PDB file of N, CA and C in Angstrom:
ATOM      1  N   MET A   1      -5.372  -7.917  15.927  1.00  0.00           N
ATOM      2  CA  MET A   1      -5.302  -6.262  16.119  1.00  0.00           C
ATOM      3  C   MET A   1      -5.079  -5.484  15.248  1.00  0.00           C
ATOM      4  N   ALA A   2      -5.744  -4.361  15.452  1.00  0.00           N
ATOM      5  CA  ALA A   2      -5.324  -3.195  14.668  1.00  0.00           C
ATOM      6  C   ALA A   2      -4.417  -2.312  14.200  1.00  0.00           C
ATOM      7  N   HIS A   3      -4.183  -1.851  13.208  1.00  0.00           N
ATOM      8  CA  HIS A   3      -2.940  -1.557  13.574  1.00  0.00           C
ATOM      9  C   HIS A   3      -3.294  -0.304  12.881  1.00  0.00           C
ATOM     10  N   THR A   4      -2.387   0.806  13.265  1.00  0.00           N
ATOM     11  CA  THR A   4      -2.627   2.197  13.221  1.00  0.00           C
ATOM     12  C   THR A   4      -2.334   2.583  12.050  1.00  0.00           C
ATOM     13  N   GLU A   5      -2.831   3.781  11.594  1.00  0.00           N
ATOM     14  CA  GLU A   5      -2.441   4.451  10.349  1.00  0.00           C
ATOM     15  C   GLU A   5      -0.983   4.707   9.979  1.00  0.00           C
ATOM     16  N   SER A   6      -0.330   4.773  11.231  1.00  0.00           N
ATOM     17  CA  SER A   6       1.424   5.204  10.703  1.00  0.00           C
ATOM     18  C   SER A   6       2.101   3.399  11.211  1.00  0.00           C
ATOM     19  N   GLU A   7       1.510   2.697  11.584  1.00  0.00           N
ATOM     20  CA  GLU A   7       1.951   1.213  11.302  1.00  0.00           C
ATOM     21  C   GLU A   7       1.806   1.047   9.848  1.00  0.00           C
ATOM     22  N   ILE A   8       0.430   1.126   9.647  1.00  0.00           N
ATOM     23  CA  ILE A   8       0.193   0.775   7.785  1.00  0.00           C
ATOM     24  C   ILE A   8       1.162   0.968   6.841  1.00  0.00           C
ATOM     25  N   LEU A   9       1.259   2.878   7.256  1.00  0.00           N
ATOM     26  CA  LEU A   9       2.136   3.042   6.200  1.00  0.00           C
ATOM     27  C   LEU A   9       3.712   2.723   6.488  1.00  0.00           C
ATOM     28  N   ALA A  10       4.202   2.757   7.759  1.00  0.00           N
ATOM     29  CA  ALA A  10       5.505   1.787   7.495  1.00  0.00           C
ATOM     30  C   ALA A  10       5.300   0.624   6.820  1.00  0.00           C
ATOM     31  N   GLY A  11       4.429  -0.403   7.171  1.00  0.00           N
ATOM     32  CA  GLY A  11       3.998  -1.765   6.766  1.00  0.00           C
ATOM     33  C   GLY A  11       3.918  -1.868   5.429  1.00  0.00           C
ATOM     34  N   LEU A  12       3.529  -0.642   4.549  1.00  0.00           N
ATOM     35  CA  LEU A  12       3.722  -0.566   3.116  1.00  0.00           C
ATOM     36  C   LEU A  12       4.640   0.142   2.685  1.00  0.00           C
ATOM     37  N   ALA A  13       5.132   1.060   3.201  1.00  0.00           N
ATOM     38  CA  ALA A  13       6.885   1.412   2.666  1.00  0.00           C
ATOM     39  C   ALA A  13       7.628   0.632   2.561  1.00  0.00           C
ATOM     40  N   GLU A  14       7.799  -0.851   3.292  1.00  0.00           N
ATOM     41  CA  GLU A  14       8.195  -2.098   3.740  1.00  0.00           C
ATOM     42  C   GLU A  14       8.231  -2.810   2.683  1.00  0.00           C
ATOM     43  N   ILE A  15       7.097  -3.103   2.028  1.00  0.00           N
ATOM     44  CA  ILE A  15       6.517  -4.065   0.804  1.00  0.00           C
ATOM     45  C   ILE A  15       7.092  -3.392   0.026  1.00  0.00           C
ATOM     46  N   VAL A  16       6.716  -2.053  -0.210  1.00  0.00           N
ATOM     47  CA  VAL A  16       6.873  -1.080  -1.305  1.00  0.00           C
ATOM     48  C   VAL A  16       8.520  -1.429  -1.676  1.00  0.00           C
ATOM     49  N   ASN A  17       9.524  -1.116  -0.765  1.00  0.00           N
ATOM     50  CA  ASN A  17      10.705  -1.244  -0.806  1.00  0.00           C
ATOM     51  C   ASN A  17      11.452  -2.733  -1.381  1.00  0.00           C
ATOM     52  N   GLU A  18      10.764  -3.617  -0.444  1.00  0.00           N
ATOM     53  CA  GLU A  18      10.700  -4.945  -1.046  1.00  0.00           C
ATOM     54  C   GLU A  18      10.702  -5.216  -2.415  1.00  0.00           C
ATOM     55  N   GLU A  19       9.736  -4.741  -2.677  1.00  0.00           N
ATOM     56  CA  GLU A  19       8.830  -5.081  -4.551  1.00  0.00           C
ATOM     57  C   GLU A  19       9.926  -4.109  -5.444  1.00  0.00           C
ATOM     58  N   THR A  20      10.454  -2.900  -5.243  1.00  0.00           N
ATOM     59  CA  THR A  20      10.396  -2.230  -6.176  1.00  0.00           C
ATOM     60  C   THR A  20      11.868  -1.409  -5.712  1.00  0.00           C
ATOM     61  N   GLY A  21      12.827  -1.709  -4.787  1.00  0.00           N
ATOM     62  CA  GLY A  21      13.740  -1.207  -4.064  1.00  0.00           C
ATOM     63  C   GLY A  21      13.922   0.293  -3.928  1.00  0.00           C
ATOM     64  N   LEU A  22      12.638   0.901  -3.918  1.00  0.00           N
ATOM     65  CA  LEU A  22      12.443   2.001  -3.505  1.00  0.00           C
ATOM     66  C   LEU A  22      13.132   1.959  -1.805  1.00  0.00           C
ATOM     67  N   ALA A  23      13.284   3.360  -1.655  1.00  0.00           N
ATOM     68  CA  ALA A  23      13.977   3.721  -0.214  1.00  0.00           C
ATOM     69  C   ALA A  23      12.670   3.813   0.509  1.00  0.00           C
ATOM     70  N   ALA A  24      12.279   3.042   1.864  1.00  0.00           N
ATOM     71  CA  ALA A  24      10.947   3.187   2.437  1.00  0.00           C
ATOM     72  C   ALA A  24      10.577   4.825   2.418  1.00  0.00           C
ATOM     73  N   GLU A  25      11.467   5.379   3.015  1.00  0.00           N
ATOM     74  CA  GLU A  25      11.403   6.657   3.129  1.00  0.00           C
ATOM     75  C   GLU A  25      10.741   7.607   1.970  1.00  0.00           C
ATOM     76  N   THR A  26      10.679   7.085   0.783  1.00  0.00           N
ATOM     77  CA  THR A  26      10.271   8.189  -0.011  1.00  0.00           C
ATOM     78  C   THR A  26       8.892   7.742  -0.500  1.00  0.00           C
ATOM     79  N   VAL A  27       7.982   6.416   1.085  1.00  0.00           N
ATOM     80  CA  VAL A  27       6.805   6.594   0.695  1.00  0.00           C
ATOM     81  C   VAL A  27       6.408   7.275   1.213  1.00  0.00           C
ATOM     82  N   GLU A  28       5.253   8.076   0.592  1.00  0.00           N
ATOM     83  CA  GLU A  28       4.451   8.918   1.624  1.00  0.00           C
ATOM     84  C   GLU A  28       3.564   9.043   1.571  1.00  0.00           C
ATOM     85  N   PRO A  29       2.158   9.376   2.590  1.00  0.00           N
ATOM     86  CA  PRO A  29       0.932   9.558   2.169  1.00  0.00           C
ATOM     87  C   PRO A  29       0.875  10.322   0.803  1.00  0.00           C
ATOM     88  N   SER A  30       1.290  11.316   0.836  1.00  0.00           N
ATOM     89  CA  SER A  30       0.945  12.283  -0.516  1.00  0.00           C
ATOM     90  C   SER A  30       1.348  11.566  -1.915  1.00  0.00           C
ATOM     91  N   LYS A  31       1.998  10.726  -1.657  1.00  0.00           N
ATOM     92  CA  LYS A  31       2.939  10.137  -3.308  1.00  0.00           C
ATOM     93  C   LYS A  31       1.896   9.187  -4.182  1.00  0.00           C
ATOM     94  N   SER A  32       2.019   9.537  -5.125  1.00  0.00           N
ATOM     95  CA  SER A  32       0.596   8.859  -5.898  1.00  0.00           C
ATOM     96  C   SER A  32       1.837   7.265  -6.889  1.00  0.00           C
ATOM     97  N   PHE A  33       1.149   6.263  -6.204  1.00  0.00           N
ATOM     98  CA  PHE A  33       1.638   5.067  -6.675  1.00  0.00           C
ATOM     99  C   PHE A  33       2.494   4.860  -8.250  1.00  0.00           C
ATOM    100  N   THR A  34       1.724   5.734  -8.987  1.00  0.00           N
ATOM    101  CA  THR A  34       2.370   5.413 -10.408  1.00  0.00           C
ATOM    102  C   THR A  34       2.973   6.235 -10.556  1.00  0.00           C
ATOM    103  N   ASP A  35       2.657   7.752 -10.563  1.00  0.00           N
ATOM    104  CA  ASP A  35       3.246   8.738 -11.101  1.00  0.00           C
ATOM    105  C   ASP A  35       4.219   9.073 -10.192  1.00  0.00           C
ATOM    106  N   ASP A  36       4.438   9.720  -9.000  1.00  0.00           N
ATOM    107  CA  ASP A  36       5.581   9.520  -8.332  1.00  0.00           C
ATOM    108  C   ASP A  36       6.330   8.442  -7.900  1.00  0.00           C
ATOM    109  N   LEU A  37       5.963   7.339  -7.695  1.00  0.00           N
ATOM    110  CA  LEU A  37       6.828   5.799  -7.173  1.00  0.00           C
ATOM    111  C   LEU A  37       6.891   4.996  -8.582  1.00  0.00           C
ATOM    112  N   ASP A  38       6.364   5.683  -9.615  1.00  0.00           N
ATOM    113  CA  ASP A  38       6.587   4.727 -10.831  1.00  0.00           C
ATOM    114  C   ASP A  38       6.589   3.336 -10.517  1.00  0.00           C
ATOM    115  N   ILE A  39       5.276   3.012  -9.957  1.00  0.00           N
ATOM    116  CA  ILE A  39       5.132   1.431  -9.925  1.00  0.00           C
ATOM    117  C   ILE A  39       4.114   0.917 -10.786  1.00  0.00           C
ATOM    118  N   ASP A  40       4.211  -0.342 -11.784  1.00  0.00           N
ATOM    119  CA  ASP A  40       3.679  -0.855 -12.574  1.00  0.00           C
ATOM    120  C   ASP A  40       2.352  -1.411 -12.052  1.00  0.00           C
ATOM    121  N   SER A  41       1.159  -1.678 -12.803  1.00  0.00           N
ATOM    122  CA  SER A  41       0.635  -2.293 -12.224  1.00  0.00           C
ATOM    123  C   SER A  41       0.530  -4.018 -12.124  1.00  0.00           C
ATOM    124  N   ILE A  42       1.635  -4.755 -12.600  1.00  0.00           N
ATOM    125  CA  ILE A  42       1.988  -5.610 -12.143  1.00  0.00           C
ATOM    126  C   ILE A  42       2.696  -5.666 -10.501  1.00  0.00           C
ATOM    127  N   SER A  43       3.415  -4.891 -10.799  1.00  0.00           N
ATOM    128  CA  SER A  43       3.827  -4.683  -9.226  1.00  0.00           C
ATOM    129  C   SER A  43       3.384  -4.197  -7.855  1.00  0.00           C
ATOM    130  N   MET A  44       2.254  -3.510  -8.766  1.00  0.00           N
ATOM    131  CA  MET A  44       1.195  -3.064  -7.661  1.00  0.00           C
ATOM    132  C   MET A  44       0.162  -4.133  -7.170  1.00  0.00           C
ATOM    133  N   MET A  45      -0.035  -5.288  -7.771  1.00  0.00           N
ATOM    134  CA  MET A  45      -0.967  -6.221  -7.807  1.00  0.00           C
ATOM    135  C   MET A  45       0.013  -7.137  -6.855  1.00  0.00           C
ATOM    136  N   THR A  46       1.538  -7.309  -6.407  1.00  0.00           N
ATOM    137  CA  THR A  46       2.386  -7.882  -5.815  1.00  0.00           C
ATOM    138  C   THR A  46       2.001  -7.282  -4.460  1.00  0.00           C
ATOM    139  N   ILE A  47       1.872  -6.092  -4.574  1.00  0.00           N
ATOM    140  CA  ILE A  47       2.251  -5.211  -3.491  1.00  0.00           C
ATOM    141  C   ILE A  47       0.721  -5.535  -2.527  1.00  0.00           C
ATOM    142  N   VAL A  48      -0.159  -5.300  -2.906  1.00  0.00           N
ATOM    143  CA  VAL A  48      -1.469  -5.623  -2.952  1.00  0.00           C
ATOM    144  C   VAL A  48      -1.429  -6.611  -2.708  1.00  0.00           C
ATOM    145  N   VAL A  49      -1.035  -7.988  -2.914  1.00  0.00           N
ATOM    146  CA  VAL A  49      -0.978  -9.043  -2.031  1.00  0.00           C
ATOM    147  C   VAL A  49      -0.439  -9.339  -0.992  1.00  0.00           C
ATOM    148  N   ASN A  50       0.641  -9.381  -0.559  1.00  0.00           N
ATOM    149  CA  ASN A  50       1.595  -8.607   0.251  1.00  0.00           C
ATOM    150  C   ASN A  50       0.770  -7.942   1.192  1.00  0.00           C
ATOM    151  N   ALA A  51       0.205  -6.983   0.712  1.00  0.00           N
ATOM    152  CA  ALA A  51      -0.593  -5.787   1.809  1.00  0.00           C
ATOM    153  C   ALA A  51      -1.546  -6.780   2.777  1.00  0.00           C
ATOM    154  N   GLU A  52      -2.193  -7.336   1.940  1.00  0.00           N
ATOM    155  CA  GLU A  52      -3.402  -8.264   2.376  1.00  0.00           C
ATOM    156  C   GLU A  52      -3.274  -8.967   3.152  1.00  0.00           C
ATOM    157  N   GLU A  53      -1.712  -9.742   3.002  1.00  0.00           N
ATOM    158  CA  GLU A  53      -1.217 -10.968   3.944  1.00  0.00           C
ATOM    159  C   GLU A  53      -0.511 -10.360   5.544  1.00  0.00           C
ATOM    160  N   LYS A  54       0.309  -9.224   4.991  1.00  0.00           N
ATOM    161  CA  LYS A  54       0.752  -8.492   6.154  1.00  0.00           C
ATOM    162  C   LYS A  54      -0.368  -7.853   7.110  1.00  0.00           C
ATOM    163  N   PHE A  55      -1.339  -7.475   6.691  1.00  0.00           N
ATOM    164  CA  PHE A  55      -2.490  -6.712   7.201  1.00  0.00           C
ATOM    165  C   PHE A  55      -3.624  -7.394   7.613  1.00  0.00           C
ATOM    166  N   ASP A  56      -3.785  -8.812   7.007  1.00  0.00           N
ATOM    167  CA  ASP A  56      -5.191  -9.567   6.983  1.00  0.00           C
ATOM    168  C   ASP A  56      -6.255  -8.946   6.816  1.00  0.00           C
ATOM    169  N   VAL A  57      -6.137  -8.406   5.532  1.00  0.00           N
ATOM    170  CA  VAL A  57      -7.631  -7.521   4.968  1.00  0.00           C
ATOM    171  C   VAL A  57      -7.405  -8.568   3.426  1.00  0.00           C
ATOM    172  N   LYS A  58      -8.845  -8.004   2.823  1.00  0.00           N
ATOM    173  CA  LYS A  58      -8.976  -8.291   1.693  1.00  0.00           C
ATOM    174  C   LYS A  58      -9.317  -7.395   0.834  1.00  0.00           C
ATOM    175  N   ILE A  59      -8.324  -6.490  -0.185  1.00  0.00           N
ATOM    176  CA  ILE A  59      -8.594  -5.355  -1.391  1.00  0.00           C
ATOM    177  C   ILE A  59      -8.855  -6.041  -2.308  1.00  0.00           C
ATOM    178  N   PRO A  60      -9.994  -5.579  -2.705  1.00  0.00           N
ATOM    179  CA  PRO A  60     -11.013  -6.598  -3.824  1.00  0.00           C
ATOM    180  C   PRO A  60     -10.167  -6.042  -5.374  1.00  0.00           C
ATOM    181  N   ASP A  61      -9.605  -6.884  -6.684  1.00  0.00           N
ATOM    182  CA  ASP A  61      -9.400  -6.266  -7.416  1.00  0.00           C
ATOM    183  C   ASP A  61      -9.989  -4.992  -7.521  1.00  0.00           C
ATOM    184  N   ASP A  62     -11.514  -4.725  -7.798  1.00  0.00           N
ATOM    185  CA  ASP A  62     -11.789  -3.823  -8.627  1.00  0.00           C
ATOM    186  C   ASP A  62     -11.490  -2.411  -7.264  1.00  0.00           C
ATOM    187  N   GLU A  63     -11.330  -2.558  -5.957  1.00  0.00           N
ATOM    188  CA  GLU A  63     -10.630  -1.279  -5.573  1.00  0.00           C
ATOM    189  C   GLU A  63      -9.278  -0.907  -5.706  1.00  0.00           C
ATOM    190  N   VAL A  64      -8.841  -1.797  -6.292  1.00  0.00           N
ATOM    191  CA  VAL A  64      -7.278  -0.911  -6.373  1.00  0.00           C
ATOM    192  C   VAL A  64      -6.737  -0.330  -7.518  1.00  0.00           C
ATOM    193  N   LYS A  65      -7.556   0.002  -8.500  1.00  0.00           N
ATOM    194  CA  LYS A  65      -7.894   1.217  -8.904  1.00  0.00           C
ATOM    195  C   LYS A  65      -7.881   2.592  -8.865  1.00  0.00           C
ATOM    196  N   ASN A  66      -8.667   2.366  -6.826  1.00  0.00           N
ATOM    197  CA  ASN A  66      -9.357   3.284  -6.349  1.00  0.00           C
ATOM    198  C   ASN A  66      -7.771   3.762  -5.573  1.00  0.00           C
ATOM    199  N   LEU A  67      -6.974   2.925  -5.606  1.00  0.00           N
ATOM    200  CA  LEU A  67      -5.546   3.032  -4.317  1.00  0.00           C
ATOM    201  C   LEU A  67      -4.798   4.429  -5.056  1.00  0.00           C
ATOM    202  N   SER A  68      -4.838   5.100  -5.789  1.00  0.00           N
ATOM    203  CA  SER A  68      -3.950   5.507  -6.280  1.00  0.00           C
ATOM    204  C   SER A  68      -2.631   6.681  -5.543  1.00  0.00           C
ATOM    205  N   THR A  69      -2.782   7.284  -4.354  1.00  0.00           N
ATOM    206  CA  THR A  69      -2.131   7.373  -3.613  1.00  0.00           C
ATOM    207  C   THR A  69      -1.780   6.558  -2.457  1.00  0.00           C
ATOM    208  N   VAL A  70      -1.060   6.293  -1.571  1.00  0.00           N
ATOM    209  CA  VAL A  70       0.087   5.753  -0.424  1.00  0.00           C
ATOM    210  C   VAL A  70      -1.272   5.992   0.556  1.00  0.00           C
ATOM    211  N   GLN A  71      -1.966   7.511   0.914  1.00  0.00           N
ATOM    212  CA  GLN A  71      -2.626   7.288   1.526  1.00  0.00           C
ATOM    213  C   GLN A  71      -4.062   6.484   1.528  1.00  0.00           C
ATOM    214  N   ASP A  72      -4.260   6.584   0.118  1.00  0.00           N
ATOM    215  CA  ASP A  72      -5.517   6.267  -0.316  1.00  0.00           C
ATOM    216  C   ASP A  72      -5.650   4.524   0.196  1.00  0.00           C
ATOM    217  N   ALA A  73      -4.319   3.769   0.024  1.00  0.00           N
ATOM    218  CA  ALA A  73      -3.861   2.899   0.635  1.00  0.00           C
ATOM    219  C   ALA A  73      -3.851   2.140   1.822  1.00  0.00           C
ATOM    220  N   VAL A  74      -3.551   3.260   3.014  1.00  0.00           N
ATOM    221  CA  VAL A  74      -3.673   3.102   4.042  1.00  0.00           C
ATOM    222  C   VAL A  74      -4.719   3.589   4.508  1.00  0.00           C
ATOM    223  N   THR A  75      -5.788   4.386   4.404  1.00  0.00           N
ATOM    224  CA  THR A  75      -6.728   4.538   4.415  1.00  0.00           C
ATOM    225  C   THR A  75      -7.983   3.186   4.372  1.00  0.00           C
ATOM    226  N   PHE A  76      -7.277   2.803   2.762  1.00  0.00           N
ATOM    227  CA  PHE A  76      -8.328   1.651   3.141  1.00  0.00           C
ATOM    228  C   PHE A  76      -8.224   0.441   3.579  1.00  0.00           C
ATOM    229  N   ILE A  77      -7.135   0.354   3.896  1.00  0.00           N
ATOM    230  CA  ILE A  77      -6.423  -0.959   4.822  1.00  0.00           C
ATOM    231  C   ILE A  77      -7.200  -1.007   6.480  1.00  0.00           C
ATOM    232  N   HIS A  78      -6.598   0.716   6.440  1.00  0.00           N
ATOM    233  CA  HIS A  78      -7.026   0.869   8.020  1.00  0.00           C
ATOM    234  C   HIS A  78      -8.650   0.317   8.430  1.00  0.00           C
ATOM    235  N   ASN A  79      -9.781   1.140   7.258  1.00  0.00           N
ATOM    236  CA  ASN A  79     -11.249   0.900   7.443  1.00  0.00           C
ATOM    237  C   ASN A  79     -11.230  -0.465   7.066  1.00  0.00           C
ATOM    238  N   ALA A  80     -10.762  -1.541   6.503  1.00  0.00           N
ATOM    239  CA  ALA A  80     -10.557  -2.725   6.224  1.00  0.00           C
ATOM    240  C   ALA A  80     -10.303  -3.649   7.315  1.00  0.00           C
ATOM    241  N   GLN A  81      -9.685  -3.140   8.275  1.00  0.00           N
ATOM    242  CA  GLN A  81      -9.726  -3.494   9.599  1.00  0.00           C
ATOM    243  C   GLN A  81     -10.484  -3.966  10.221  1.00  0.00           C
ATOM    244  N   ASN A  82     -11.322  -2.767  10.168  1.00  0.00           N
ATOM    245  CA  ASN A  82     -12.411  -3.162  11.369  1.00  0.00           C
ATOM    246  C   ASN A  82     -13.899  -3.794  10.775  1.00  0.00           C
TER     247      ASN A  82
END
């Protein structure tokens, strides 16, 4: 079953919280993973792997660099489910 963008956002916020300790409510669509949320590349890869498992999608390594904001990731996962 495909998740809505708001479900994906909530799920990503939960994953980011588990990985970094950042409060889930700070994970907003406009936030940059690196600039605003201060997520390094190692944490980002963990977040990607956990998102792939949670949403049953594949995020190729060469796509990860294009996921600079939370919205980029939400949109990619939303589109990858279909």
